[in-house]
Amino acid sequence: MKNEQITFRQSLFWDVDPKTIDIEKNARYIIERILDFGDDNEVRWMWNRYNHALIRDVVDRSRGLFPATRSFWNLMLST
């Protein structure tokens, strides 16, 4: 996977300093936030950055996703 840098919006990660987020170690956390609150660019970045099986696993297993988010991504990932 690429080692590109991304600057996360503070409003996306309101509970932590976005500069301290490790895109590998915190992958599940990042994916959850982007699935729930990400804009088009952040979703595109996530889709290109992370393995789709990991994204699917987060959708299936996360206890933190909004129900509407889970339903939407289940539909999107079923194609």
N, C-alpha and C. Protein backbone atom coordinates (compact mmCIF):
# COMPACT_ATOMS: atom_id res chain seq x y z
N MET A 1 0.83 -1.19 0.00
CA MET A 1 0.00 0.00 0.00
C MET A 1 0.87 1.25 0.00
N LYS A 2 0.29 2.31 -0.46
CA LYS A 2 1.03 3.55 -0.60
C LYS A 2 1.32 4.19 0.76
N ASN A 3 2.37 4.99 0.82
CA ASN A 3 2.72 5.71 2.04
C ASN A 3 2.39 7.19 1.91
N GLU A 4 1.29 7.50 1.26
CA GLU A 4 0.92 8.89 1.06
C GLU A 4 0.48 9.53 2.37
N GLN A 5 0.61 10.82 2.42
CA GLN A 5 0.18 11.59 3.59
C GLN A 5 -1.22 12.12 3.33
N ILE A 6 -2.00 12.17 4.36
CA ILE A 6 -3.31 12.80 4.28
C ILE A 6 -3.47 13.66 5.51
N THR A 7 -4.09 14.78 5.33
CA THR A 7 -4.41 15.66 6.44
C THR A 7 -5.88 15.46 6.75
N PHE A 8 -6.15 14.93 7.94
CA PHE A 8 -7.53 14.68 8.33
C PHE A 8 -8.16 15.94 8.90
N ARG A 9 -9.44 16.12 8.63
CA ARG A 9 -10.19 17.25 9.19
C ARG A 9 -10.37 17.03 10.69
N GLN A 10 -10.23 18.11 11.45
CA GLN A 10 -10.46 18.03 12.89
C GLN A 10 -11.91 17.61 13.17
N SER A 11 -12.85 18.06 12.34
CA SER A 11 -14.25 17.72 12.58
C SER A 11 -14.53 16.23 12.35
N LEU A 12 -13.68 15.55 11.60
CA LEU A 12 -13.84 14.12 11.39
C LEU A 12 -13.31 13.33 12.59
N PHE A 13 -12.27 13.85 13.21
CA PHE A 13 -11.65 13.20 14.37
C PHE A 13 -11.64 14.19 15.53
N TRP A 14 -12.83 14.56 15.98
CA TRP A 14 -12.99 15.58 17.00
C TRP A 14 -12.45 15.17 18.36
N ASP A 15 -12.28 13.88 18.60
CA ASP A 15 -11.89 13.40 19.92
C ASP A 15 -10.39 13.13 20.05
N VAL A 16 -9.64 13.33 18.97
CA VAL A 16 -8.19 13.13 19.01
C VAL A 16 -7.52 14.20 18.15
N ASP A 17 -6.22 14.32 18.30
CA ASP A 17 -5.44 15.21 17.43
C ASP A 17 -5.21 14.46 16.12
N PRO A 18 -5.78 14.94 15.01
CA PRO A 18 -5.65 14.22 13.74
C PRO A 18 -4.20 13.98 13.32
N LYS A 19 -3.28 14.81 13.79
CA LYS A 19 -1.86 14.64 13.42
C LYS A 19 -1.24 13.41 14.07
N THR A 20 -1.87 12.88 15.10
CA THR A 20 -1.31 11.73 15.82
C THR A 20 -1.87 10.40 15.33
N ILE A 21 -2.76 10.43 14.36
CA ILE A 21 -3.38 9.20 13.88
C ILE A 21 -2.42 8.46 12.95
N ASP A 22 -2.20 7.20 13.23
CA ASP A 22 -1.37 6.33 12.39
C ASP A 22 -2.31 5.59 11.44
N ILE A 23 -2.13 5.78 10.12
CA ILE A 23 -3.08 5.22 9.17
C ILE A 23 -3.05 3.69 9.11
N GLU A 24 -2.01 3.08 9.62
CA GLU A 24 -1.97 1.62 9.67
C GLU A 24 -2.53 1.11 11.00
N LYS A 25 -1.99 1.60 12.11
CA LYS A 25 -2.41 1.13 13.43
C LYS A 25 -3.85 1.48 13.74
N ASN A 26 -4.32 2.60 13.24
CA ASN A 26 -5.67 3.08 13.53
C ASN A 26 -6.62 2.90 12.34
N ALA A 27 -6.34 1.92 11.49
CA ALA A 27 -7.11 1.74 10.26
C ALA A 27 -8.60 1.56 10.52
N ARG A 28 -8.96 0.72 11.45
CA ARG A 28 -10.38 0.48 11.73
C ARG A 28 -11.07 1.74 12.22
N TYR A 29 -10.44 2.47 13.09
CA TYR A 29 -10.98 3.72 13.60
C TYR A 29 -11.18 4.72 12.46
N ILE A 30 -10.18 4.84 11.61
CA ILE A 30 -10.26 5.77 10.47
C ILE A 30 -11.39 5.36 9.54
N ILE A 31 -11.48 4.08 9.22
CA ILE A 31 -12.52 3.60 8.32
C ILE A 31 -13.90 3.87 8.91
N GLU A 32 -14.08 3.59 10.19
CA GLU A 32 -15.38 3.86 10.82
C GLU A 32 -15.77 5.32 10.69
N ARG A 33 -14.85 6.21 11.01
CA ARG A 33 -15.16 7.63 10.95
C ARG A 33 -15.47 8.09 9.53
N ILE A 34 -14.69 7.61 8.58
CA ILE A 34 -14.93 8.01 7.19
C ILE A 34 -16.25 7.43 6.69
N LEU A 35 -16.57 6.19 7.05
CA LEU A 35 -17.84 5.62 6.64
C LEU A 35 -19.01 6.43 7.19
N ASP A 36 -18.93 6.85 8.44
CA ASP A 36 -20.01 7.60 9.07
C ASP A 36 -20.04 9.08 8.68
N PHE A 37 -18.87 9.71 8.59
CA PHE A 37 -18.84 11.17 8.49
C PHE A 37 -18.00 11.72 7.34
N GLY A 38 -17.37 10.85 6.56
CA GLY A 38 -16.43 11.31 5.53
C GLY A 38 -17.10 11.99 4.36
N ASP A 39 -16.36 12.91 3.75
CA ASP A 39 -16.83 13.54 2.52
C ASP A 39 -16.37 12.69 1.33
N ASP A 40 -16.72 13.11 0.13
CA ASP A 40 -16.38 12.33 -1.07
C ASP A 40 -14.89 12.05 -1.19
N ASN A 41 -14.07 13.07 -0.93
CA ASN A 41 -12.62 12.90 -1.06
C ASN A 41 -12.08 11.91 -0.03
N GLU A 42 -12.59 11.97 1.19
CA GLU A 42 -12.13 11.06 2.23
C GLU A 42 -12.56 9.61 1.94
N VAL A 43 -13.77 9.44 1.44
CA VAL A 43 -14.24 8.10 1.08
C VAL A 43 -13.39 7.56 -0.07
N ARG A 44 -13.12 8.37 -1.06
CA ARG A 44 -12.28 7.96 -2.19
C ARG A 44 -10.88 7.56 -1.70
N TRP A 45 -10.32 8.38 -0.80
CA TRP A 45 -9.00 8.07 -0.25
C TRP A 45 -9.04 6.73 0.48
N MET A 46 -10.04 6.53 1.34
CA MET A 46 -10.18 5.29 2.10
C MET A 46 -10.29 4.10 1.15
N TRP A 47 -11.11 4.23 0.12
CA TRP A 47 -11.34 3.13 -0.83
C TRP A 47 -10.06 2.74 -1.55
N ASN A 48 -9.24 3.74 -1.87
CA ASN A 48 -7.98 3.48 -2.56
C ASN A 48 -6.86 3.05 -1.62
N ARG A 49 -6.97 3.38 -0.37
CA ARG A 49 -5.91 3.15 0.61
C ARG A 49 -6.00 1.79 1.29
N TYR A 50 -7.21 1.40 1.65
CA TYR A 50 -7.38 0.19 2.45
C TYR A 50 -7.94 -0.97 1.62
N ASN A 51 -7.55 -2.16 2.03
CA ASN A 51 -8.05 -3.38 1.41
C ASN A 51 -9.57 -3.42 1.56
N HIS A 52 -10.27 -3.76 0.49
CA HIS A 52 -11.73 -3.77 0.53
C HIS A 52 -12.27 -4.82 1.49
N ALA A 53 -11.52 -5.89 1.71
CA ALA A 53 -11.93 -6.90 2.70
C ALA A 53 -11.92 -6.31 4.11
N LEU A 54 -10.96 -5.43 4.39
CA LEU A 54 -10.92 -4.76 5.70
C LEU A 54 -12.11 -3.82 5.85
N ILE A 55 -12.42 -3.07 4.81
CA ILE A 55 -13.58 -2.17 4.86
C ILE A 55 -14.85 -2.98 5.09
N ARG A 56 -14.99 -4.09 4.38
CA ARG A 56 -16.16 -4.97 4.55
C ARG A 56 -16.22 -5.49 5.99
N ASP A 57 -15.07 -5.88 6.55
CA ASP A 57 -15.02 -6.38 7.91
C ASP A 57 -15.45 -5.31 8.91
N VAL A 58 -15.02 -4.09 8.70
CA VAL A 58 -15.42 -2.98 9.58
C VAL A 58 -16.93 -2.79 9.49
N VAL A 59 -17.48 -2.80 8.28
CA VAL A 59 -18.94 -2.65 8.12
C VAL A 59 -19.66 -3.79 8.85
N ASP A 60 -19.16 -4.99 8.74
CA ASP A 60 -19.82 -6.16 9.35
C ASP A 60 -19.68 -6.21 10.86
N ARG A 61 -18.54 -5.78 11.40
CA ARG A 61 -18.26 -6.01 12.82
C ARG A 61 -18.30 -4.79 13.73
N SER A 62 -18.20 -3.61 13.16
CA SER A 62 -18.11 -2.42 14.01
C SER A 62 -19.38 -2.22 14.83
N ARG A 63 -19.19 -1.94 16.09
CA ARG A 63 -20.31 -1.63 16.97
C ARG A 63 -20.60 -0.13 16.98
N GLY A 64 -19.69 0.64 16.36
CA GLY A 64 -19.83 2.09 16.42
C GLY A 64 -20.50 2.73 15.23
N LEU A 65 -20.71 1.98 14.14
CA LEU A 65 -21.33 2.58 12.96
C LEU A 65 -22.80 2.85 13.19
N PHE A 66 -23.28 3.94 12.62
CA PHE A 66 -24.71 4.22 12.65
C PHE A 66 -25.43 3.15 11.83
N PRO A 67 -26.62 2.74 12.24
CA PRO A 67 -27.37 1.73 11.48
C PRO A 67 -27.58 2.12 10.01
N ALA A 68 -27.87 3.38 9.75
CA ALA A 68 -28.06 3.83 8.36
C ALA A 68 -26.75 3.71 7.58
N THR A 69 -25.63 3.99 8.23
CA THR A 69 -24.33 3.85 7.57
C THR A 69 -24.08 2.40 7.22
N ARG A 70 -24.33 1.51 8.15
CA ARG A 70 -24.12 0.08 7.92
C ARG A 70 -24.99 -0.39 6.75
N SER A 71 -26.26 0.01 6.73
CA SER A 71 -27.16 -0.40 5.65
C SER A 71 -26.67 0.10 4.30
N PHE A 72 -26.28 1.37 4.26
CA PHE A 72 -25.79 1.96 3.01
C PHE A 72 -24.56 1.21 2.50
N TRP A 73 -23.58 1.00 3.37
CA TRP A 73 -22.35 0.35 2.93
C TRP A 73 -22.55 -1.13 2.63
N ASN A 74 -23.50 -1.78 3.29
CA ASN A 74 -23.83 -3.15 2.91
C ASN A 74 -24.34 -3.19 1.47
N LEU A 75 -25.18 -2.24 1.12
CA LEU A 75 -25.67 -2.15 -0.27
C LEU A 75 -24.53 -1.86 -1.24
N MET A 76 -23.68 -0.90 -0.89
CA MET A 76 -22.58 -0.50 -1.77
C MET A 76 -21.58 -1.63 -1.97
N LEU A 77 -21.32 -2.39 -0.94
CA LEU A 77 -20.32 -3.45 -1.01
C LEU A 77 -20.86 -4.76 -1.57
N SER A 78 -22.16 -4.84 -1.76
CA SER A 78 -22.75 -6.06 -2.29
C SER A 78 -22.68 -6.15 -3.80
N THR A 79 -22.27 -5.07 -4.45
CA THR A 79 -22.22 -5.07 -5.92
C THR A 79 -20.90 -5.58 -6.43
